[in-house]
Amino acid sequence: MLCRFLTFLAISLSYTLSNADRVDFWGNTLAKRSPHHLHLRGGGCTVEEGTLTDTTMLPEKDRICIIGSGNWGSAIATVLGRNAARLPFCHDEVNMWVFEETVTLPSGDETANLSDVINTRHENVKYLPGVKLPSNVRAIPDLKDACKNATLLVFVLPHQFLPKLLPVIRSSVHPTHCRGVSLIKGLDFDAKTKLPVLISKSIEDAMGPGRFRCGVLMGANIADEVAKQLMCESTLACDYGSEELHEKTRQIFDEPPNFRVSRIRDVSGAEACGALKNIVALGAGFVDGLGLGGNTKAALLRVGLLEMAKFCSFFFDAVEPGTFLESCGMADLITTCYGGRNRRCAEAFAKSRGIHPKACDKLWSDIENEMLNGQKLQGTLATKEVYALLDSRNMLGSFPLFCAIYAISFDGKPVASITEGIKVNSNGTTLFSKL
């Protein structure tokens, strides 16, 4: 079943890419754009063809700073630390900004500052226990010091914290040659229009439009598995205006044979997939909590992928259909719906049945506090924001699965109603047949 769907999807995508005119999911013709042109409706980025970064005065070596030290931040630090030590165009030391907190050591009878523990034991005992970090990864609790003269910023923290941090970061990084890669899986929404805004675009705006570009790294990357060096793939989506910078950045993350990184230009599609798949993962958790089995979950993933694609088609220009077949698309959706934190927490939610609507937010908060050890759920926030956007545009009827997930999560609708959001077409057409 899955193979048949993938085959049809690939044929549809090939047809789209080979035609001069693109159409959206409703058959409307979209203007043909240069592959160098990106535009986000409602607050996105535009990179005009021929706009290139001047590479003649690039610093001799990249200085890497990781902004965030949670589970995923610490896991990617293992990759970046090893790569920085071996790549000739990187400084050996990788800085990692740590939000300072007091943690209990494994012995159970001592406490210490988290940054001190990381720098002495080379282990994040709270967020990634049992995994040794490379000795060249240095935990720094002062944000300005951590970012000093950095040329590559790796953002990996809840995006709600960014507005207060970015002015400090901007004042400290390399003044003329600094770029970013966001590992944040979420979306911003304009307060007035409610339209989605890429977090990478928000970072660019805060760091200085025209002087700072931010790509994204998205993929099927469960943090603990990456840290254990189990083979996985990831997708780097970026457009720094320089093939040299593109390849250097890819190599900084690429660690074959275990962490394999490909590169695409579609920042909008890759980033939107990383946010929207967390909504679908809540639905997968509901299915697991009900014990509905693999067939039901497969159907949910199929509809979830189509609604992700439909959302991207409507709200973002220049999203490439092939992006949904990259690690940042289908693969990330699959792994999140089987092993991610959003799925696990949604399963726990599903097992607490008969809740009154007013208790939903509190239940999510209690589950987050109990299960995530200080980490944050992104799927619940994305669900609320996407639902508000669709409601404001009278589009709820076009996204039955997203709406079902919202109703269960926040309106107290029975968890068993999740199957009502899994729609089967009966008219002989498919969403992708309109491409």
Foldseek 3Di string as FASTA:
>chain_A
DVVVVVVVLVVLQVVQVPDQWHAFLVLHTDHGDDLQFWDFPPAEDTGDPPDADDPPPDPQAAAEEEEDDALQSQLLQQLLQVLQCPDPRHPNAYEYADQWDWDADPVRPDIDIQQVCCQPVQARCQHQNPFHHPNRYHYDNDLLVRQAQGQEYEYDAALVPPVVRLVSNLVGYNVQHHEYEYAHQAWDADPPQLATYFSQSVSCVSNDPPRYGYWYKAFQPDRNCSSVLAADEIEIATCNRDPVVVVVVLSSSDDPPRYHYDYDNQRLLLNLQSHQLLQLLLLLLLCVLVVVDDVLNVLSLVLSLVVSSNVCSVGTPPHRSCSLVDRSHSVNSVSSNPPNPSSNLSSVVLNPADDALVCLVVSSVVSCVVPPSPGDRSNLVRLVSVVVNCVVVVNCVVQLQSVQSNCVRRVRDRSVCNSVRSDDDDPPDDSSVSD
